[in-house]
Protein backbone atom coordinates (compact mmCIF):
# COMPACT_ATOMS: atom_id res chain seq x y z
CA ILE A 1 0.00 0.00 0.00
CA ALA A 2 1.40 3.41 -0.99
CA ARG A 3 1.74 6.18 1.58
CA ASP A 4 1.21 9.92 1.19
CA ALA A 5 3.63 12.70 2.16
CA ARG A 6 2.46 12.52 5.79
CA GLY A 7 3.10 8.77 6.04
CA LEU A 8 -0.57 7.80 5.94
CA PRO A 9 -1.41 4.63 3.97
CA ILE A 10 -3.51 5.63 0.95
CA LEU A 11 -6.72 3.65 1.40
CA LYS A 12 -9.52 4.16 -1.10
CA SER A 13 -11.75 1.13 -0.54
CA TRP A 14 -12.55 -1.73 1.79
CA SER A 15 -10.51 -4.04 -0.44
CA ASP A 16 -7.46 -1.78 0.14
CA TYR A 17 -7.96 -2.00 3.89
CA TYR A 18 -8.59 -5.75 3.89
CA HIS A 19 -5.44 -6.26 1.80
CA LEU A 20 -3.35 -4.10 4.16
CA ARG A 21 -4.55 -6.03 7.23
CA GLY A 22 -4.51 -9.46 5.61
CA ILE A 23 -8.25 -9.97 6.16
CA SER A 24 -10.36 -12.26 3.98
CA LEU A 25 -12.84 -10.37 1.79
CA THR A 26 -15.58 -12.56 3.25
CA SER A 27 -14.99 -11.12 6.75
CA PRO A 28 -17.79 -8.93 8.21
CA VAL A 29 -15.23 -6.70 10.00
CA ALA A 30 -16.32 -3.70 7.87
CA LEU A 31 -19.68 -3.64 9.66
CA LEU A 32 -17.98 -2.19 12.74
CA CYS A 33 -14.75 -0.82 11.30
CA THR A 34 -16.75 1.75 9.35
CA PHE A 35 -16.38 4.02 12.40
CA PRO A 36 -12.56 4.15 12.81
CA LEU A 37 -12.01 3.90 9.04
CA THR A 38 -14.38 6.80 8.35
CA ILE A 39 -12.37 8.95 10.76
CA TYR A 40 -9.17 7.76 9.10
CA PHE A 41 -10.46 8.57 5.61
CA ALA A 42 -11.45 12.06 6.80
CA LEU A 43 -7.88 12.56 8.05
CA GLN A 44 -6.37 11.19 4.85
CA ASN A 45 -8.48 13.37 2.55
CA TRP A 46 -9.13 16.62 4.44
CA GLY A 47 -6.65 16.62 7.31
CA GLU A 48 -3.56 18.01 5.59
CA VAL A 49 -3.84 21.51 7.08
CA PRO A 50 -4.75 20.44 10.66
CA ILE A 51 -2.00 17.80 10.66
CA THR A 52 0.59 20.27 9.35
CA VAL A 53 -0.36 22.93 11.91
CA ALA A 54 -0.26 20.48 14.84
CA LYS A 55 3.17 19.22 13.80
CA MET A 56 4.49 22.77 13.39
CA LEU A 57 3.33 23.56 16.92
CA GLY A 58 4.89 20.37 18.24
CA ARG A 59 1.73 18.97 19.82
CA LYS A 60 -0.93 16.33 19.29
CA LEU A 61 -3.59 16.73 16.63
CA ARG A 62 -6.83 17.49 18.49
CA ILE A 63 -9.98 15.90 17.05
CA HIS A 64 -13.37 16.44 18.66
CA ALA A 65 -15.96 13.81 17.70
CA VAL A 66 -19.45 15.13 18.40
CA GLY A 67 -22.74 13.27 18.76
CA ILE A 68 -21.16 10.00 19.83
CA GLU A 69 -23.71 7.32 20.78
CA LYS A 70 -23.38 3.69 19.63
CA GLU A 71 -19.61 4.15 19.30
CA MET A 72 -19.41 3.98 23.10
CA ASN A 73 -20.14 0.25 22.82
CA PHE A 74 -16.82 -0.52 21.11
CA LEU A 75 -14.23 2.03 22.17
CA ASP A 76 -11.40 -0.48 21.84
CA LEU A 77 -12.13 -0.72 18.13
CA PHE A 78 -10.65 2.75 17.62
CA SER A 79 -7.21 1.34 18.37
CA GLU A 80 -7.26 0.52 14.65
CA LEU A 81 -6.51 4.20 14.08
CA ALA A 82 -3.26 3.81 16.02
CA TYR A 83 -2.23 0.99 13.71
CA LEU A 84 -2.88 3.06 10.58
CA LEU A 85 -1.26 6.28 11.81
CA PRO A 86 2.47 6.88 11.43
CA GLN A 87 4.26 6.97 14.77
CA ASP A 88 5.21 10.63 14.36
CA LEU A 89 1.55 11.67 14.16
CA GLU A 90 0.06 11.82 17.66
CA ILE A 91 -3.69 12.26 17.99
CA GLU A 92 -5.93 13.23 20.87
CA LEU A 93 -9.41 12.02 19.95
CA THR A 94 -12.15 13.32 22.26
CA PHE A 95 -15.64 11.83 22.15
CA ILE A 96 -18.44 14.15 23.27
CA VAL A 97 -21.49 12.22 24.49
CA ARG A 98 -24.73 12.75 26.36
CA ALA A 99 -24.38 11.98 30.07
CA ASP A 100 -26.90 9.14 29.87
CA MET A 101 -24.73 7.39 27.25
CA LEU A 102 -21.87 6.95 29.73
CA PRO A 103 -21.29 3.56 31.41
CA PRO A 104 -22.69 3.58 34.98
CA LYS A 105 -19.23 3.48 36.59
CA CYS A 106 -18.37 6.77 34.85
CA ARG A 107 -21.31 8.68 36.32
CA SER A 108 -20.01 8.91 39.89
CA GLU A 109 -18.69 12.18 41.25
CA ASN A 110 -15.21 10.76 41.66
CA SER A 111 -14.84 9.38 38.13
CA THR A 112 -14.39 12.79 36.52
CA GLN A 113 -11.74 13.82 39.02
CA SER A 114 -9.75 10.62 38.48
CA HIS A 115 -9.35 11.34 34.76
CA GLN A 116 -8.29 15.01 34.98
CA GLY A 117 -11.70 16.40 34.05
CA PHE A 118 -12.69 13.65 31.62
CA ASP A 119 -15.24 10.90 32.14
CA MET A 120 -12.97 8.29 30.55
CA LYS A 121 -9.44 8.15 29.17
CA LEU A 122 -7.97 5.36 27.05
CA ASP A 123 -4.40 5.34 25.78
CA HIS A 124 -4.70 3.03 22.80
CA ALA A 125 -1.04 3.50 21.83
CA ASN A 126 1.80 6.00 22.07
CA ASN A 127 0.27 7.95 19.17
CA LEU A 128 -3.44 7.79 20.09
CA SER A 129 -5.30 8.89 23.21
CA LEU A 130 -9.09 8.61 23.39
CA LEU A 131 -10.91 10.86 25.85
CA VAL A 132 -14.62 10.85 26.68
CA LYS A 133 -16.44 13.97 27.86
CA SER A 134 -20.15 14.32 28.55
CA GLY A 135 -22.15 17.44 27.75
CA THR A 136 -23.46 19.60 24.92
CA TYR A 137 -20.77 20.82 22.55
CA GLY A 138 -20.63 24.58 22.04
CA ASP A 139 -23.22 25.14 24.76
CA GLU A 140 -22.41 23.91 28.26
CA LEU A 141 -19.03 22.74 26.95
CA ASN A 142 -16.92 25.52 25.44
CA PRO A 143 -14.16 23.89 23.37
CA LEU A 144 -12.20 27.15 23.16
CA PHE A 145 -11.69 27.33 26.93
CA GLY A 146 -10.49 23.83 27.70
CA ASP A 147 -13.86 22.22 28.44
CA VAL A 148 -13.20 19.58 25.78
CA GLY A 149 -9.85 17.83 25.38
CA THR A 150 -6.64 19.69 26.20
CA GLY A 151 -7.38 22.64 23.93
CA PRO A 152 -9.35 23.99 20.97
CA PRO A 153 -9.93 21.47 18.16
CA ASP A 154 -7.94 21.25 14.97
CA MET A 155 -10.69 19.14 13.48
CA LEU A 156 -14.33 18.37 14.26
CA ILE A 157 -16.03 15.12 13.25
CA GLY A 158 -19.71 14.14 13.42
CA LEU A 159 -20.56 10.55 12.45
CA ASN A 160 -24.09 9.96 11.10
CA ALA A 161 -24.80 13.50 12.23
CA GLY A 162 -28.16 14.45 10.69
CA LEU A 163 -27.77 18.09 11.70
CA PHE A 164 -31.52 18.77 11.44
CA ALA A 165 -32.45 15.78 13.61
CA TYR A 166 -31.61 17.15 17.07
CA LYS A 167 -31.63 20.65 18.52
CA SER A 168 -28.23 20.07 20.14
CA TRP A 169 -26.59 20.16 16.69
CA SER A 170 -27.43 23.87 16.35
CA SER A 171 -24.64 24.81 18.78
CA VAL A 172 -22.20 22.67 16.77
CA VAL A 173 -23.19 24.41 13.52
CA SER A 174 -22.83 27.81 15.22
CA PHE A 175 -19.37 26.84 16.45
CA CYS A 176 -18.34 25.94 12.89
CA HIS A 177 -19.61 29.28 11.58
CA ASP A 178 -17.85 31.23 14.32
CA ASN A 179 -14.55 29.34 13.91
CA PRO A 180 -13.79 29.04 10.18
CA SER A 181 -10.26 27.86 10.96
CA VAL A 182 -11.66 24.60 12.38
CA LEU A 183 -12.22 21.93 9.74
CA ALA A 184 -15.46 20.00 10.31
CA VAL A 185 -16.27 16.70 8.59
CA PHE A 186 -19.69 15.09 8.92
CA THR A 187 -21.31 11.91 7.65
CA ASP A 188 -24.95 11.17 7.01
CA TYR A 189 -27.05 8.09 6.33
CA ASN A 190 -28.52 9.14 2.98
CA GLU A 191 -27.90 11.62 0.17
CA HIS A 192 -31.10 13.64 0.67
CA SER A 193 -30.32 14.37 4.31
CA GLY A 194 -26.66 14.99 3.46
CA VAL A 195 -27.47 17.63 0.84
CA ASN A 196 -29.81 19.50 3.16
CA CYS A 197 -27.51 19.34 6.19
CA ALA A 198 -24.48 20.30 4.12
CA GLY A 199 -26.35 23.43 3.04
CA LEU A 200 -26.04 24.70 6.62
CA GLY A 201 -22.34 25.18 5.90
CA GLY A 202 -22.88 27.18 2.71
CA GLY A 203 -22.41 26.51 -0.99
CA GLN A 204 -18.92 25.04 -0.73
CA ALA A 205 -20.08 22.58 1.92
CA ARG A 206 -23.04 21.53 -0.21
CA GLU A 207 -20.71 20.93 -3.15
CA SER A 208 -18.47 18.75 -0.95
CA LEU A 209 -21.08 15.99 -0.58
CA THR A 210 -19.52 12.70 -1.63
CA VAL A 211 -19.97 8.97 -1.11
CA ASN A 212 -17.90 7.48 1.71
CA PRO A 213 -15.91 4.46 0.46
CA PHE A 214 -15.82 3.22 4.06
CA ARG A 215 -19.57 3.33 4.57
CA GLN A 216 -21.06 0.31 6.31
CA PRO A 217 -21.61 -2.26 3.54
CA LEU A 218 -25.08 -3.18 4.72
CA ALA A 219 -28.12 -1.11 3.80
CA LEU A 220 -30.40 -0.10 6.66
CA PRO A 221 -34.13 -0.79 6.33
CA VAL A 222 -36.09 2.40 5.63
CA PHE A 223 -39.82 2.37 5.03
CA CYS A 224 -40.66 6.07 4.69
CA PHE A 225 -38.69 6.73 1.48
CA ASN A 226 -36.97 4.77 -1.26
CA LEU A 227 -33.36 5.92 -0.88
CA PRO A 228 -30.17 4.00 -0.02
CA GLN A 229 -29.57 4.30 3.72
CA LEU A 230 -26.15 3.32 5.07
CA SER A 231 -24.24 4.08 8.24
CA ASN A 232 -21.65 6.77 7.39
CA GLY A 233 -22.94 6.69 3.83
CA PHE A 234 -22.04 10.22 2.71
CA PHE A 235 -19.43 12.85 3.63
CA TYR A 236 -19.77 16.63 3.64
CA VAL A 237 -17.27 19.20 4.89
CA PHE A 238 -17.52 22.61 6.57
CA ASN A 239 -14.56 25.03 6.46
CA GLU A 240 -12.58 22.98 3.96
CA GLN A 241 -8.94 24.08 3.88
CA GLU A 242 -5.91 23.91 1.61
CA LEU A 243 -2.24 24.55 2.32
CA ASP A 244 -0.82 27.71 0.77
CA GLU A 245 1.77 26.93 -1.88
C-alpha cells in the first residue's frame, strides 16, 4: 500500500484495507470498522492543514468527535486508528457524548476527578489517546476554553450527524460558523439528508457531498422513502482548507 507525504497509507476502498490487514474479503469486520475507518479517511483526505499545523506547533492533533452514541459500545475498536497512523503523528481524539450514554461506573462524582476532568481516558497506543467527555458541545461545553480535550480542536467530526435531527446540533453548527479555521467533517445516512444538512455550511459545503468508500456495507431498512440508507454513507465538509503553496 502506498503512503502519502504525511506517512498515511492511501486507502480508497474496503478491499485496500482488507489487503493491508490481511483480512479475507468474506470477513464482516467492515460492519464495525466503518467508524474508525471513516475517521481515518477524513484525516487522509481533508486533514492536511490540521495535521501540518499540529506538527508545526509540536503537539498532538486534536480531534473532537461530536454526537457519539453507539460508538461507546466498542471504544477499543478505535485502536485501529493507532495501527494506521504513522508513529510521528500523535492524535488526541475526544468523544463528546450525552451523560446518559456513559457507562454507569463513569457517572459517579469521583470518576471525573480521576481522569483530569474527563469521564474516561484510554491510551490506545503511544500515538493515540481517546478521551470521553459528557455534555453539549458549544453550549455547556466551550471547546475554546479547555472544556473539551486539552485545547481547541484542529478538526471536528460528526458521524451519522443528521444536523436537522436534534436541537443540540445547532450549537455545533454555530461553532463551525464562528470558527472558520476549524475543519469540520460530517457523515450522514442518505444523500437527501446529506445535501440539506451540508447546506447549513454554505455553498462550498453543499458541493463537498460525496460517497464514503468506508460506509457500512449493509443497507439499513427504511420504510418512509426509497433511498439507499447506510451508516456513514455520505461525507460533507464545513470550512474545507488547503495549504498555501
